[in-house]
Protein backbone atom coordinates (compact mmCIF):
# COMPACT_ATOMS: atom_id res chain seq x y z
CA MET A 1 260.94 -147.06 53.29
CA LYS A 2 261.42 -147.82 49.62
CA VAL A 3 258.51 -148.24 47.23
CA GLY A 4 257.31 -151.84 47.17
CA GLN A 5 258.82 -152.68 50.53
CA SER A 6 256.96 -153.04 53.78
CA CYS A 7 259.63 -153.91 56.33
CA SER A 8 260.04 -152.34 59.74
CA HIS A 9 262.31 -152.78 62.71
CA THR A 10 262.61 -151.63 66.28
CA LYS A 11 265.48 -149.73 67.78
CA PRO A 12 267.96 -151.93 69.66
CA THR A 13 266.25 -152.73 72.95
CA ASP A 14 265.89 -155.54 75.45
CA TYR A 15 263.33 -158.17 74.40
CA PRO A 16 261.68 -156.22 71.54
CA TRP A 17 258.18 -157.33 70.60
CA TRP A 18 255.43 -156.75 68.06
CA ALA A 19 251.75 -157.59 68.47
CA VAL A 20 248.55 -157.56 66.46
CA ASP A 21 244.93 -157.50 67.66
CA LEU A 22 242.95 -160.25 65.92
CA GLY A 23 239.69 -158.49 66.87
CA SER A 24 238.43 -161.31 69.09
CA ALA A 25 239.74 -164.56 70.55
CA ARG A 26 240.57 -166.82 67.61
CA LEU A 27 241.94 -170.32 67.13
CA VAL A 28 245.28 -169.69 65.39
CA LEU A 29 246.31 -172.47 63.04
CA SER A 30 249.61 -171.12 61.72
CA VAL A 31 251.74 -168.00 61.40
CA ASP A 32 254.00 -167.08 58.48
CA ILE A 33 256.75 -164.56 59.22
CA TYR A 34 258.55 -162.83 56.36
CA ASN A 35 262.13 -161.86 57.01
CA ARG A 36 264.06 -158.95 55.55
CA VAL A 37 266.29 -160.11 52.68
CA ASP A 38 266.99 -156.80 50.90
CA CYS A 39 270.04 -156.07 53.02
CA ASN A 40 272.74 -157.89 54.95
CA CYS A 41 270.53 -157.85 58.07
CA SER A 42 268.31 -160.96 57.93
CA GLU A 43 270.02 -162.23 61.09
CA ARG A 44 268.01 -159.65 63.08
CA LEU A 45 265.26 -162.27 63.12
CA HIS A 46 266.64 -164.54 65.85
CA ASP A 47 265.65 -166.30 69.08
CA LEU A 48 261.95 -165.68 68.47
CA ARG A 49 258.94 -166.52 70.58
CA VAL A 50 255.55 -166.51 68.83
CA GLY A 51 252.52 -166.69 71.10
CA LEU A 52 249.00 -165.66 71.98
CA MET A 53 247.46 -163.60 74.74
CA ASN A 54 243.98 -162.52 75.77
CA THR A 55 245.13 -159.08 76.99
CA TRP A 56 247.34 -156.52 75.25
CA PRO A 57 251.00 -157.23 76.08
CA THR A 58 252.90 -154.94 78.43
CA THR A 59 256.43 -155.40 79.70
CA GLY A 60 257.82 -152.00 80.44
CA GLY A 61 260.37 -152.78 77.73
CA SER A 62 262.76 -154.69 79.96
CA SER A 63 261.47 -158.27 80.15
CA LEU A 64 259.74 -161.06 78.29
CA VAL A 65 256.02 -160.83 77.60
CA VAL A 66 254.14 -163.48 79.55
CA MET A 67 252.16 -165.26 76.83
CA ASP A 68 249.13 -167.47 77.48
CA THR A 69 250.10 -169.89 74.69
CA ILE A 70 253.42 -170.30 72.87
CA CYS A 71 252.93 -171.23 69.19
CA ALA A 72 256.59 -171.55 68.31
CA THR A 73 260.14 -170.74 69.32
CA LEU A 74 263.00 -170.24 66.87
CA ASP A 75 266.56 -170.60 68.04
CA GLY A 76 269.46 -168.78 66.44
CA PRO A 77 269.44 -166.42 63.47
CA ARG A 78 266.87 -167.01 60.73
CA THR A 79 268.11 -166.17 57.26
CA GLU A 80 265.31 -167.62 55.14
CA ALA A 81 262.87 -165.21 53.52
CA ARG A 82 259.81 -166.88 55.05
CA TYR A 83 259.39 -168.84 58.23
CA MET A 84 256.20 -170.89 58.59
CA THR A 85 255.05 -172.24 61.93
CA GLN A 86 252.12 -174.38 63.01
CA CYS A 87 250.47 -173.53 66.32
CA GLU A 88 249.48 -176.16 68.84
CA LYS A 89 246.01 -177.70 68.67
CA ASN A 90 244.30 -175.31 71.13
CA ALA A 91 246.15 -172.05 70.45
CA VAL A 92 243.42 -169.51 71.19
CA GLY A 93 243.92 -165.82 71.89
CA ARG A 94 243.04 -162.31 70.78
CA TYR A 95 246.58 -160.90 70.47
CA LEU A 96 249.40 -162.53 68.53
CA VAL A 97 252.83 -161.55 69.86
CA ILE A 98 256.26 -161.98 68.28
CA GLN A 99 259.20 -161.31 70.58
CA ILE A 100 262.98 -161.71 70.51
CA ASP A 101 264.29 -163.48 73.59
CA ALA A 102 267.50 -161.43 73.82
CA VAL A 103 268.79 -158.09 75.08
CA LYS A 104 269.96 -155.21 72.90
CA SER A 105 268.27 -156.61 69.79
CA GLU A 106 266.29 -155.26 66.85
CA LEU A 107 263.09 -157.00 65.77
CA SER A 108 262.82 -156.77 61.99
CA LEU A 109 259.64 -157.94 60.23
CA CYS A 110 258.51 -157.54 56.64
CA GLU A 111 255.14 -159.25 56.84
CA VAL A 112 253.21 -161.47 59.21
CA GLU A 113 250.33 -163.66 58.06
CA VAL A 114 248.10 -165.17 60.74
CA PHE A 115 245.84 -168.05 59.69
CA VAL A 116 242.84 -168.57 61.95
CA HIS A 117 239.81 -170.82 62.15
CA GLN A 118 236.71 -168.96 60.97
CA ARG A 119 234.84 -169.61 64.21
CA LYS A 120 235.35 -167.01 66.95
CA TYR A 121 236.06 -168.21 70.50
């Protein structure tokens, strides 16, 4: 990783995912996802599912994570530096999950900002 950069990516795998523990069940208002733009690889961010769960995700690495609530889906490659999504009105969960709905893919993320309501659920 170069100084001043905070991007990461998975190895090519089926349905790669990334998750973060919000500490407790929270009402998620929106999620901002920052794409990698320092190389010719921004298309790695494609066919995304962004959702919430109340238990830590497990898939065995070969299938889609079953999410309790889907906040957003993004079709096709995303080449913009920042993708902003609004979650549905009652999007509550402890774990935010971002997953690519495709086989033999790399999930590349530079930053993820999760905006929540201050009240815990």
